[in-house]
N, C-alpha and C. Protein backbone atom coordinates (compact mmCIF):
# COMPACT_ATOMS: atom_id res chain seq x y z
N MET A 1 0.86 -1.24 -0.15
CA MET A 1 -0.07 0.17 -0.17
C MET A 1 0.95 1.37 -0.07
N LYS A 2 1.86 1.26 1.01
CA LYS A 2 2.69 2.29 1.03
C LYS A 2 3.44 2.67 -0.43
N LYS A 3 3.88 1.54 -1.18
CA LYS A 3 4.50 1.71 -2.46
C LYS A 3 3.79 2.19 -3.49
N MET A 4 2.34 1.80 -3.42
CA MET A 4 1.44 2.08 -4.43
C MET A 4 1.20 3.75 -4.24
N LEU A 5 1.06 4.15 -3.14
CA LEU A 5 0.71 5.65 -2.83
C LEU A 5 2.11 6.28 -3.37
N PHE A 6 3.04 5.92 -3.01
CA PHE A 6 4.39 6.59 -3.50
C PHE A 6 4.35 6.82 -4.97
N PHE A 7 4.23 5.61 -5.67
CA PHE A 7 4.13 5.65 -7.08
C PHE A 7 3.17 6.60 -7.71
N ALA A 8 1.99 6.53 -7.09
CA ALA A 8 0.83 7.60 -7.65
C ALA A 8 1.38 8.99 -7.60
N LEU A 9 1.96 8.99 -6.22
CA LEU A 9 2.58 10.49 -5.94
C LEU A 9 3.47 11.04 -7.01
N ILE A 10 4.38 10.08 -7.34
CA ILE A 10 5.72 10.39 -8.30
C ILE A 10 4.96 10.71 -9.51
N VAL A 11 3.94 9.95 -10.16
CA VAL A 11 3.19 10.12 -11.67
C VAL A 11 2.74 11.41 -11.40
N ALA A 12 1.92 11.60 -10.20
CA ALA A 12 1.09 12.96 -10.37
C ALA A 12 2.12 14.20 -10.12
N LEU A 13 3.31 14.08 -9.91
CA LEU A 13 4.38 15.10 -9.69
C LEU A 13 4.88 15.09 -11.06
N LEU A 14 4.88 14.11 -11.74
CA LEU A 14 5.62 14.10 -13.13
C LEU A 14 4.88 14.74 -14.12
N ILE A 15 3.58 14.48 -14.15
CA ILE A 15 2.90 15.08 -15.08
C ILE A 15 3.04 16.56 -15.27
N PRO A 16 2.88 17.36 -14.14
CA PRO A 16 3.22 18.82 -14.34
C PRO A 16 4.58 19.18 -14.96
N ALA A 17 5.46 18.14 -14.54
CA ALA A 17 6.95 18.30 -14.96
C ALA A 17 6.99 18.13 -16.33
N ALA A 18 6.03 17.24 -17.12
CA ALA A 18 6.35 17.24 -18.28
C ALA A 18 5.96 18.43 -19.12
N GLY A 19 5.37 19.23 -18.56
CA GLY A 19 5.16 20.64 -18.96
C GLY A 19 6.32 21.44 -19.10
N PHE A 20 7.53 21.12 -18.40
CA PHE A 20 8.76 21.79 -18.41
C PHE A 20 9.20 21.84 -19.65
N ALA A 21 9.11 20.67 -20.33
CA ALA A 21 9.68 20.53 -21.76
C ALA A 21 9.18 21.72 -22.65
N GLN A 22 7.98 21.90 -22.50
CA GLN A 22 7.42 22.85 -23.33
C GLN A 22 7.69 24.39 -23.17
N GLU A 23 7.82 24.55 -21.84
CA GLU A 23 8.51 26.06 -21.47
C GLU A 23 9.79 26.08 -21.15
N LYS A 24 10.35 27.04 -21.51
CA LYS A 24 11.89 27.01 -21.20
C LYS A 24 11.93 27.63 -19.81
N LEU A 25 12.60 26.97 -18.69
CA LEU A 25 12.64 27.61 -17.31
C LEU A 25 14.08 28.13 -17.32
N THR A 26 14.18 28.99 -16.33
CA THR A 26 15.60 29.40 -16.18
C THR A 26 16.05 28.40 -15.08
N GLU A 27 17.51 28.27 -14.80
CA GLU A 27 17.91 27.42 -13.88
C GLU A 27 17.14 27.38 -12.30
N LYS A 28 17.18 28.81 -11.95
CA LYS A 28 16.44 28.93 -10.62
C LYS A 28 15.09 28.60 -10.54
N GLN A 29 14.44 28.89 -11.66
CA GLN A 29 12.91 28.23 -11.65
C GLN A 29 12.86 26.77 -11.68
N ALA A 30 13.62 26.24 -12.43
CA ALA A 30 14.02 24.60 -12.29
C ALA A 30 14.21 24.20 -11.06
N GLN A 31 15.08 24.92 -10.20
CA GLN A 31 15.42 24.30 -8.91
C GLN A 31 14.34 24.76 -8.04
N ASP A 32 13.64 25.88 -8.24
CA ASP A 32 12.49 26.15 -7.13
C ASP A 32 11.46 24.99 -7.35
N GLU A 33 11.10 24.60 -8.82
CA GLU A 33 10.32 23.59 -9.00
C GLU A 33 10.82 22.28 -8.26
N LEU A 34 11.83 21.99 -8.45
CA LEU A 34 12.40 20.64 -8.04
C LEU A 34 12.29 20.72 -6.51
N LEU A 35 12.66 21.88 -5.68
CA LEU A 35 12.59 21.87 -4.19
C LEU A 35 10.89 21.62 -3.85
N ALA A 36 10.01 22.24 -4.69
CA ALA A 36 8.78 22.30 -4.24
C ALA A 36 8.27 20.71 -4.52
N VAL A 37 8.62 20.12 -5.60
CA VAL A 37 8.34 18.66 -5.78
C VAL A 37 8.92 17.78 -4.63
N ARG A 38 10.11 18.12 -4.16
CA ARG A 38 10.68 17.21 -2.99
C ARG A 38 10.04 17.69 -1.96
N GLU A 39 9.51 18.74 -1.60
CA GLU A 39 8.95 19.20 -0.38
C GLU A 39 7.46 18.23 -0.19
N LYS A 40 7.05 18.44 -1.44
CA LYS A 40 5.54 17.55 -1.64
C LYS A 40 5.80 16.24 -1.24
N LEU A 41 6.87 15.70 -1.92
CA LEU A 41 7.32 14.22 -1.74
C LEU A 41 7.65 13.89 -0.30
N ALA A 42 8.31 14.79 0.46
CA ALA A 42 8.53 14.61 1.84
C ALA A 42 7.21 14.55 2.67
N GLN A 43 6.44 15.57 2.44
CA GLN A 43 5.05 15.62 2.96
C GLN A 43 4.43 14.44 2.75
N ALA A 44 4.26 14.08 1.53
CA ALA A 44 3.64 12.53 1.19
C ALA A 44 4.20 11.40 1.75
N GLU A 45 5.51 11.27 2.20
CA GLU A 45 6.18 10.21 2.76
C GLU A 45 5.66 10.45 4.32
N ALA A 46 5.87 11.66 4.82
CA ALA A 46 5.38 11.74 6.18
C ALA A 46 4.10 11.29 6.25
N LYS A 47 2.84 11.71 5.47
CA LYS A 47 1.44 11.45 5.70
C LYS A 47 1.54 9.82 5.81
N ILE A 48 2.15 9.20 4.71
CA ILE A 48 2.30 7.61 4.55
C ILE A 48 2.72 7.07 5.86
N SER A 49 3.64 7.56 6.37
CA SER A 49 4.14 7.05 7.74
C SER A 49 3.22 7.14 8.65
N GLU A 50 2.44 8.41 8.88
CA GLU A 50 1.65 8.48 9.88
C GLU A 50 0.44 7.69 9.79
N LEU A 51 -0.13 7.47 8.52
CA LEU A 51 -1.24 6.54 8.21
C LEU A 51 -0.80 5.00 8.36
N GLN A 52 0.63 4.69 8.13
CA GLN A 52 0.88 3.45 8.41
C GLN A 52 0.77 3.08 10.08
N ALA A 53 1.41 4.18 10.74
CA ALA A 53 1.30 3.97 12.17
C ALA A 53 -0.26 3.68 12.65
N LYS A 54 -1.09 4.46 11.93
CA LYS A 54 -2.61 4.30 12.46
C LYS A 54 -3.04 2.71 12.03
N VAL A 55 -2.68 2.49 10.92
CA VAL A 55 -3.08 1.04 10.39
C VAL A 55 -2.32 -0.02 11.31
N ASP A 56 -1.18 0.01 11.79
CA ASP A 56 -0.44 -0.77 12.57
C ASP A 56 -1.19 -0.61 13.90
N ALA A 57 -1.64 0.42 14.36
CA ALA A 57 -2.42 0.52 15.72
C ALA A 57 -3.79 -0.35 15.60
N LEU A 58 -4.28 0.04 14.48
CA LEU A 58 -5.87 -0.61 14.18
C LEU A 58 -5.47 -2.01 14.39
N LYS A 59 -4.61 -2.65 13.61
CA LYS A 59 -4.22 -3.90 13.68
C LYS A 59 -3.98 -4.60 14.91
N ALA A 60 -3.27 -3.91 15.68
CA ALA A 60 -2.95 -4.50 17.01
C ALA A 60 -4.37 -4.34 17.94
N GLU A 61 -5.10 -3.37 17.63
CA GLU A 61 -6.40 -3.33 18.40
C GLU A 61 -7.27 -4.42 17.94
N ILE A 62 -7.38 -4.65 16.61
CA ILE A 62 -7.96 -5.84 15.91
C ILE A 62 -7.58 -7.17 16.91
N ALA A 63 -6.25 -7.37 16.93
CA ALA A 63 -5.81 -8.53 17.52
C ALA A 63 -6.20 -8.64 18.71
N ASN A 64 -6.25 -7.68 19.44
CA ASN A 64 -6.55 -7.70 21.05
C ASN A 64 -8.09 -7.94 21.14
N LEU A 65 -8.96 -7.47 20.28
CA LEU A 65 -10.33 -7.81 20.28
C LEU A 65 -10.52 -8.94 19.88
N GLU A 66 -9.98 -9.61 19.08
CA GLU A 66 -10.11 -10.94 18.62
C GLU A 66 -9.73 -11.91 19.72
N THR A 67 -8.72 -11.80 20.47
CA THR A 67 -8.20 -12.52 21.56
C THR A 67 -9.15 -12.32 22.87
N LYS A 68 -9.73 -11.13 23.15
CA LYS A 68 -10.94 -11.03 24.00
C LYS A 68 -12.01 -11.65 23.57
N ARG A 69 -12.43 -11.63 22.32
CA ARG A 69 -13.50 -12.49 21.67
C ARG A 69 -13.22 -14.05 22.10
N ASP A 70 -12.02 -14.63 21.76
CA ASP A 70 -11.78 -15.92 21.83
C ASP A 70 -12.04 -16.30 23.45
N GLU A 71 -11.54 -15.36 24.16
CA GLU A 71 -11.66 -15.59 25.63
C GLU A 71 -12.93 -15.73 26.16
N LEU A 72 -14.05 -14.82 25.60
CA LEU A 72 -15.36 -14.64 25.90
C LEU A 72 -16.09 -15.93 25.56
N GLN A 73 -15.82 -16.59 24.25
CA GLN A 73 -16.17 -17.58 23.61
C GLN A 73 -16.07 -18.86 24.52
N ASN A 74 -14.77 -18.97 25.19
CA ASN A 74 -14.33 -20.01 25.98
C ASN A 74 -15.11 -20.01 27.18
N LYS A 75 -15.24 -18.76 27.63
CA LYS A 75 -15.76 -18.57 29.11
C LYS A 75 -17.40 -18.98 28.72
N ILE A 76 -18.06 -18.46 27.77
CA ILE A 76 -19.38 -19.00 27.48
C ILE A 76 -19.54 -20.46 27.33
N ALA A 77 -18.56 -21.10 26.65
CA ALA A 77 -18.61 -22.56 26.57
C ALA A 77 -18.58 -23.27 28.09
N GLN A 78 -17.83 -22.63 29.05
CA GLN A 78 -17.40 -22.94 30.55
C GLN A 78 -18.73 -22.74 31.13
N LEU A 79 -19.35 -21.83 31.00
CA LEU A 79 -20.67 -21.41 31.72
C LEU A 79 -21.90 -22.38 31.26
N LYS A 80 -21.79 -22.57 29.99
CA LYS A 80 -22.82 -23.58 29.56
C LYS A 80 -22.54 -24.96 30.07
N GLU A 81 -21.61 -25.27 30.27
CA GLU A 81 -21.00 -26.66 30.86
C GLU A 81 -21.54 -26.55 32.38
N THR A 82 -21.21 -25.54 32.99
CA THR A 82 -21.56 -25.37 34.38
C THR A 82 -23.11 -25.34 34.60
N TRP A 83 -23.74 -24.54 33.55
CA TRP A 83 -25.17 -24.51 33.80
C TRP A 83 -25.85 -25.83 33.68
N LYS A 84 -25.17 -26.72 32.74
CA LYS A 84 -25.57 -28.12 32.57
C LYS A 84 -25.77 -28.93 33.75
N LEU A 85 -24.45 -28.72 34.56
CA LEU A 85 -24.15 -29.53 35.78
C LEU A 85 -25.31 -29.03 36.67
N CYS A 86 -25.57 -27.57 36.71
CA CYS A 86 -26.33 -27.22 37.89
C CYS A 86 -27.76 -27.95 37.55
N GLN A 87 -28.27 -28.33 36.45
CA GLN A 87 -29.58 -28.68 36.02
C GLN A 87 -29.76 -30.10 36.56
N TYR A 88 -28.45 -30.88 36.61
CA TYR A 88 -28.44 -32.32 37.06
C TYR A 88 -29.09 -32.45 38.51
N GLY A 89 -29.74 -33.63 38.66
CA GLY A 89 -30.18 -33.93 40.03
C GLY A 89 -29.04 -34.48 40.87
N ARG A 90 -29.09 -34.57 42.27
CA ARG A 90 -28.13 -34.80 42.95
C ARG A 90 -28.82 -36.07 43.82
N TYR A 91 -27.87 -37.12 44.22
CA TYR A 91 -28.11 -38.28 45.06
C TYR A 91 -27.03 -38.37 46.00
N LYS A 92 -27.60 -38.49 47.33
CA LYS A 92 -26.71 -38.73 48.33
C LYS A 92 -26.43 -40.13 48.88
N VAL A 93 -25.17 -40.68 48.60
CA VAL A 93 -24.80 -42.11 48.57
C VAL A 93 -24.93 -42.47 50.01
N ILE A 94 -25.82 -43.56 50.18
CA ILE A 94 -25.93 -44.15 51.71
C ILE A 94 -25.31 -45.54 51.84
N GLU A 95 -24.94 -46.02 53.06
CA GLU A 95 -24.30 -47.37 53.15
C GLU A 95 -24.80 -48.38 52.50
N GLY A 96 -24.04 -49.20 51.62
CA GLY A 96 -24.69 -50.27 50.82
C GLY A 96 -25.00 -50.05 49.30
N ASP A 97 -24.85 -48.57 49.19
CA ASP A 97 -25.11 -48.42 47.57
C ASP A 97 -24.00 -48.90 46.82
N TRP A 98 -24.25 -49.01 45.64
CA TRP A 98 -23.34 -49.18 44.53
C TRP A 98 -23.83 -48.56 43.12
N LEU A 99 -23.10 -48.14 42.17
CA LEU A 99 -23.57 -47.51 41.21
C LEU A 99 -24.72 -48.16 40.45
N SER A 100 -24.75 -49.43 40.09
CA SER A 100 -25.91 -50.12 39.32
C SER A 100 -27.06 -50.17 40.12
N LYS A 101 -26.83 -50.12 41.66
CA LYS A 101 -28.26 -50.14 42.42
C LYS A 101 -28.83 -48.68 42.05
N ILE A 102 -28.04 -47.79 42.41
CA ILE A 102 -28.43 -46.40 42.29
C ILE A 102 -29.25 -46.32 41.05
N ALA A 103 -28.54 -46.68 39.85
CA ALA A 103 -29.21 -46.48 38.53
C ALA A 103 -30.41 -47.18 38.33
N GLY A 104 -30.60 -48.18 39.04
CA GLY A 104 -31.72 -49.18 39.15
C GLY A 104 -33.04 -48.59 39.82
N MET A 105 -32.69 -47.50 40.66
CA MET A 105 -33.79 -46.84 41.55
C MET A 105 -34.76 -46.35 40.39
N ARG A 106 -36.12 -46.49 41.02
CA ARG A 106 -37.17 -45.87 39.96
C ARG A 106 -37.03 -44.52 40.04
N THR A 107 -36.66 -43.80 40.96
CA THR A 107 -36.27 -42.35 41.01
C THR A 107 -35.14 -41.91 40.25
N ILE A 108 -34.25 -42.90 39.99
CA ILE A 108 -33.12 -42.51 39.08
C ILE A 108 -33.40 -42.97 37.55
N TYR A 109 -32.91 -44.00 37.29
CA TYR A 109 -33.24 -44.40 35.88
C TYR A 109 -34.16 -45.54 35.73
N ASN A 110 -34.39 -46.23 36.91
CA ASN A 110 -35.16 -47.67 36.85
C ASN A 110 -34.36 -48.64 35.79
N ASP A 111 -33.09 -48.49 35.72
CA ASP A 111 -32.34 -49.32 34.83
C ASP A 111 -30.77 -49.37 35.43
N GLY A 112 -30.67 -50.55 36.03
CA GLY A 112 -29.12 -50.56 36.51
C GLY A 112 -28.00 -50.65 35.62
N LYS A 113 -28.38 -50.95 34.20
CA LYS A 113 -27.50 -50.97 33.25
C LYS A 113 -26.82 -49.52 33.04
N LYS A 114 -27.60 -48.54 33.38
CA LYS A 114 -27.43 -47.12 33.26
C LYS A 114 -26.34 -46.53 34.18
N TRP A 115 -25.75 -47.30 34.87
CA TRP A 115 -24.52 -46.87 35.75
C TRP A 115 -23.53 -46.12 35.24
N PRO A 116 -23.20 -46.26 34.04
CA PRO A 116 -21.89 -45.68 33.36
C PRO A 116 -22.43 -44.17 33.38
N THR A 117 -23.59 -43.74 33.03
CA THR A 117 -24.16 -42.44 33.06
C THR A 117 -23.52 -41.92 34.19
N ILE A 118 -23.95 -42.19 35.23
CA ILE A 118 -23.54 -41.56 36.53
C ILE A 118 -22.21 -41.49 36.95
N PHE A 119 -21.53 -42.62 36.51
CA PHE A 119 -19.94 -42.84 36.48
C PHE A 119 -19.42 -41.53 35.64
N GLU A 120 -19.76 -41.39 34.42
CA GLU A 120 -19.19 -40.51 33.51
C GLU A 120 -19.15 -38.98 34.21
N VAL A 121 -20.07 -38.58 34.66
CA VAL A 121 -20.27 -37.19 35.18
C VAL A 121 -19.62 -36.97 36.45
N ASN A 122 -19.37 -38.21 37.28
CA ASN A 122 -18.82 -38.12 38.67
C ASN A 122 -17.31 -38.44 38.65
N LYS A 123 -16.77 -38.58 37.50
CA LYS A 123 -15.08 -39.06 37.40
C LYS A 123 -14.39 -38.38 38.43
N ASP A 124 -14.72 -36.99 38.64
CA ASP A 124 -13.79 -36.18 39.54
C ASP A 124 -13.77 -36.68 40.93
N LYS A 125 -14.70 -37.42 41.51
CA LYS A 125 -14.62 -38.10 42.70
C LYS A 125 -14.62 -39.60 42.75
N ILE A 126 -15.30 -40.31 41.69
CA ILE A 126 -15.27 -41.60 41.69
C ILE A 126 -14.08 -42.09 40.74
N LYS A 127 -13.00 -42.60 41.44
CA LYS A 127 -11.86 -43.20 40.57
C LYS A 127 -12.02 -44.77 40.30
N ASP A 128 -12.89 -45.44 41.16
CA ASP A 128 -13.09 -46.89 40.98
C ASP A 128 -14.49 -47.01 40.85
N PRO A 129 -15.42 -47.34 39.82
CA PRO A 129 -16.89 -47.31 39.81
C PRO A 129 -17.28 -48.49 40.77
N ASN A 130 -16.52 -49.35 41.23
CA ASN A 130 -16.92 -50.26 42.18
C ASN A 130 -16.68 -49.76 43.67
N LEU A 131 -16.15 -48.64 43.75
CA LEU A 131 -16.04 -48.01 45.19
C LEU A 131 -16.42 -46.72 45.23
N ILE A 132 -17.53 -46.69 45.92
CA ILE A 132 -18.18 -45.25 46.18
C ILE A 132 -18.64 -45.24 47.95
N PHE A 133 -18.58 -43.97 48.32
CA PHE A 133 -18.82 -43.97 49.77
C PHE A 133 -20.00 -43.19 50.34
N PRO A 134 -20.65 -43.60 51.45
CA PRO A 134 -21.47 -42.98 52.10
C PRO A 134 -21.13 -41.27 52.20
N ASN A 135 -22.20 -40.61 51.91
CA ASN A 135 -22.17 -39.03 52.14
C ASN A 135 -21.71 -38.44 50.73
N TRP A 136 -21.24 -39.16 49.84
CA TRP A 136 -20.94 -38.49 48.63
C TRP A 136 -22.23 -37.96 47.96
N VAL A 137 -22.16 -36.83 47.43
CA VAL A 137 -23.16 -36.38 46.70
C VAL A 137 -22.98 -36.51 45.24
N LEU A 138 -23.79 -37.31 44.43
CA LEU A 138 -23.35 -37.71 43.15
C LEU A 138 -24.48 -36.77 42.34
N LEU A 139 -23.75 -36.45 40.86
CA LEU A 139 -24.64 -35.68 40.00
C LEU A 139 -25.42 -36.75 39.23
N ILE A 140 -26.36 -36.73 39.13
CA ILE A 140 -27.45 -37.50 38.04
C ILE A 140 -27.79 -36.82 36.95
N PRO A 141 -27.31 -37.20 35.69
CA PRO A 141 -27.86 -36.44 34.42
C PRO A 141 -29.16 -36.78 34.09
N ASN A 142 -29.79 -35.56 33.63
CA ASN A 142 -31.16 -35.74 33.28
C ASN A 142 -31.56 -36.43 32.14
N TYR A 143 -32.60 -37.10 32.18
CA TYR A 143 -33.23 -37.61 30.79
C TYR A 143 -33.42 -36.71 29.78
N GLU A 144 -33.23 -36.88 28.59
CA GLU A 144 -33.54 -36.05 27.25
C GLU A 144 -34.84 -37.00 26.96
N LEU A 145 -35.19 -38.01 26.92
CA LEU A 145 -36.30 -38.66 26.61
C LEU A 145 -36.71 -39.74 27.76
N TYR A 146 -37.97 -39.82 28.06
CA TYR A 146 -38.17 -40.53 29.45
C TYR A 146 -39.33 -41.66 28.83
N SER A 147 -39.24 -42.74 29.13
CA SER A 147 -40.11 -43.77 28.73
C SER A 147 -40.98 -43.94 30.06
N VAL A 148 -42.23 -44.12 29.74
CA VAL A 148 -43.15 -44.27 30.97
C VAL A 148 -43.24 -45.47 31.42
N PHE A 149 -43.31 -45.83 32.79
CA PHE A 149 -43.49 -46.93 33.21
C PHE A 149 -44.77 -47.05 34.12
N PRO A 150 -45.05 -48.29 34.05
CA PRO A 150 -46.71 -48.63 34.74
C PRO A 150 -46.73 -47.84 36.09
N GLY A 151 -47.84 -47.02 36.25
CA GLY A 151 -47.89 -46.34 37.69
C GLY A 151 -47.33 -45.05 37.54
N ASP A 152 -46.80 -44.59 36.54
CA ASP A 152 -46.16 -43.23 36.57
C ASP A 152 -47.42 -42.13 36.04
N CYS A 153 -47.24 -41.00 36.64
CA CYS A 153 -48.02 -39.93 36.10
C CYS A 153 -47.10 -38.76 36.17
N LEU A 154 -47.60 -37.63 35.49
CA LEU A 154 -46.55 -36.49 34.88
C LEU A 154 -45.98 -36.00 36.43
N TRP A 155 -46.89 -35.68 37.41
CA TRP A 155 -45.95 -35.00 38.58
C TRP A 155 -45.01 -36.05 39.01
N MET A 156 -45.24 -37.39 39.03
CA MET A 156 -44.36 -38.28 39.61
C MET A 156 -43.16 -38.40 38.68
N ILE A 157 -43.08 -38.31 37.43
CA ILE A 157 -42.09 -38.18 36.57
C ILE A 157 -41.22 -37.04 36.76
N ALA A 158 -42.00 -35.71 36.95
CA ALA A 158 -41.12 -34.58 37.24
C ALA A 158 -40.50 -34.61 38.51
N SER A 159 -40.93 -35.42 39.50
CA SER A 159 -40.25 -35.36 40.90
C SER A 159 -39.06 -36.30 40.75
N TYR A 160 -38.94 -37.12 39.94
CA TYR A 160 -37.66 -38.06 39.75
C TYR A 160 -36.41 -37.18 39.53
N ILE A 161 -35.41 -37.83 40.53
CA ILE A 161 -33.91 -36.96 40.36
C ILE A 161 -33.34 -37.09 39.12
N SER A 162 -33.59 -37.89 38.11
CA SER A 162 -33.12 -37.75 36.86
C SER A 162 -34.01 -36.85 35.79
N VAL A 163 -35.35 -36.46 36.29
CA VAL A 163 -35.86 -35.49 35.60
C VAL A 163 -35.73 -34.23 36.15
N TYR A 164 -36.48 -33.57 37.09
CA TYR A 164 -36.52 -32.34 37.47
C TYR A 164 -36.35 -32.35 39.14
N SER A 165 -36.56 -33.32 39.91
CA SER A 165 -36.39 -33.52 41.52
C SER A 165 -37.43 -32.35 41.79
N ASP A 166 -38.55 -32.19 41.13
CA ASP A 166 -39.77 -31.20 41.59
C ASP A 166 -40.91 -31.51 40.83
N ALA A 167 -41.89 -32.16 41.54
CA ALA A 167 -43.20 -32.55 41.11
C ALA A 167 -43.83 -31.44 40.50
N LYS A 168 -43.83 -30.05 41.02
CA LYS A 168 -44.55 -29.03 40.38
C LYS A 168 -44.00 -28.71 39.03
N MET A 169 -43.26 -29.33 38.41
CA MET A 169 -42.65 -28.77 37.03
C MET A 169 -43.19 -29.74 36.06
N TRP A 170 -44.11 -30.65 36.52
CA TRP A 170 -44.84 -31.46 35.55
C TRP A 170 -45.57 -30.73 34.13
N PRO A 171 -46.00 -29.56 34.47
CA PRO A 171 -46.46 -28.75 33.35
C PRO A 171 -45.46 -28.67 31.99
N GLN A 172 -44.22 -28.58 32.39
CA GLN A 172 -43.27 -28.54 31.32
C GLN A 172 -43.13 -29.75 30.33
N ILE A 173 -43.32 -30.94 31.25
CA ILE A 173 -43.38 -32.17 30.43
C ILE A 173 -44.49 -32.24 29.58
N TYR A 174 -45.80 -31.91 30.12
CA TYR A 174 -46.99 -31.79 29.42
C TYR A 174 -46.87 -30.84 28.29
N GLU A 175 -46.44 -29.62 28.36
CA GLU A 175 -46.08 -28.67 27.21
C GLU A 175 -45.48 -29.06 26.18
N ALA A 176 -44.29 -29.66 26.41
CA ALA A 176 -43.36 -30.37 25.50
C ALA A 176 -43.80 -31.51 24.57
N ASN A 177 -44.93 -32.12 25.17
CA ASN A 177 -45.45 -33.43 24.66
C ASN A 177 -46.91 -33.49 24.45
N LYS A 178 -47.59 -32.24 24.14
CA LYS A 178 -48.85 -32.06 23.77
C LYS A 178 -49.43 -32.87 22.44
N ASP A 179 -48.42 -33.44 21.86
CA ASP A 179 -48.66 -33.97 20.66
C ASP A 179 -49.12 -35.55 20.86
N LYS A 180 -48.64 -36.01 22.27
CA LYS A 180 -48.76 -37.51 22.57
C LYS A 180 -49.64 -37.34 23.76
N ILE A 181 -49.85 -36.20 24.44
CA ILE A 181 -50.69 -36.29 25.75
C ILE A 181 -51.72 -35.42 25.44
N LYS A 182 -52.91 -36.23 25.35
CA LYS A 182 -54.16 -35.37 25.03
C LYS A 182 -54.71 -34.84 26.42
N ASP A 183 -54.77 -35.81 27.42
CA ASP A 183 -55.03 -35.41 28.75
C ASP A 183 -54.01 -35.64 29.82
N PRO A 184 -53.59 -34.61 30.45
CA PRO A 184 -52.44 -34.58 31.31
C PRO A 184 -52.49 -35.69 32.52
N ASP A 185 -53.70 -36.26 32.70
CA ASP A 185 -54.19 -37.07 33.59
C ASP A 185 -54.05 -38.60 33.14
N LEU A 186 -53.83 -38.86 31.89
CA LEU A 186 -53.84 -40.02 31.16
C LEU A 186 -52.68 -40.24 30.35
N ILE A 187 -51.66 -40.87 30.99
CA ILE A 187 -50.42 -41.23 30.17
C ILE A 187 -50.39 -42.84 30.31
N TYR A 188 -49.47 -43.24 29.32
CA TYR A 188 -49.52 -44.81 29.25
C TYR A 188 -48.16 -45.25 29.21
N PRO A 189 -47.90 -46.51 29.67
CA PRO A 189 -46.68 -46.97 29.98
C PRO A 189 -46.13 -47.36 28.47
N LYS A 190 -44.73 -47.12 28.41
CA LYS A 190 -43.89 -46.93 27.06
C LYS A 190 -44.04 -45.79 26.13
N GLN A 191 -44.84 -44.98 26.57
CA GLN A 191 -44.86 -43.62 25.90
C GLN A 191 -43.38 -42.89 26.08
N GLU A 192 -43.02 -42.27 25.22
CA GLU A 192 -41.72 -41.51 25.36
C GLU A 192 -41.91 -40.15 25.14
N PHE A 193 -41.47 -39.52 26.42
CA PHE A 193 -41.62 -38.00 26.52
C PHE A 193 -40.33 -37.24 26.28
N VAL A 194 -40.56 -36.18 25.60
CA VAL A 194 -39.29 -35.16 25.66
C VAL A 194 -39.36 -34.54 26.96
N ILE A 195 -37.96 -34.53 27.57
CA ILE A 195 -37.97 -33.73 29.03
C ILE A 195 -36.97 -32.40 28.72
N PRO A 196 -37.91 -31.26 28.50
CA PRO A 196 -37.14 -30.00 28.23
C PRO A 196 -36.13 -29.70 29.29
N GLN A 197 -34.97 -29.26 29.09
CA GLN A 197 -33.93 -28.89 30.04
C GLN A 197 -33.81 -27.39 30.22
N GLU A 198 -34.55 -26.39 29.44
CA GLU A 198 -34.27 -25.16 29.78
C GLU A 198 -35.71 -24.37 29.80
């Protein structure tokens, strides 16, 4: 960019100089013209340097803003993960518990084979899945889809630790599954409901 401006300036200065050939100049006039051209050239180079400094400053500012943007995006990703963990249910381990027993509880997953789900999100405290201790509080990841068991009703499903741990949140399940639930008091075994998490 600097070179292009420089050449454009030289061309602009040379065009009037072409007129020198048509008029006869005295030596003093020629020297005055040459000094004027050199002065303009010096001014143009100073302006180019000034603009280049501004461009460099703007580039540095853009780099700083991009770094801040990346930091904020990382922070948002971390906060999303933290928010997700905050939505998980909690289960306090009691004497005689083990992961497949906990997963098999009706209020958890009603399926002992789902114990790895609990293990995965609690790896910070569970080093050996066969060894858990009383009073540990384990995170219980939420269902995204829930398959209805005999005896279930919406408020009971909402109260499960693996759903919302709060019976009063049953309307959220109803609203998200109106295509399958015609009457909120009538649900049937093996129906699959979406469990909204936000």
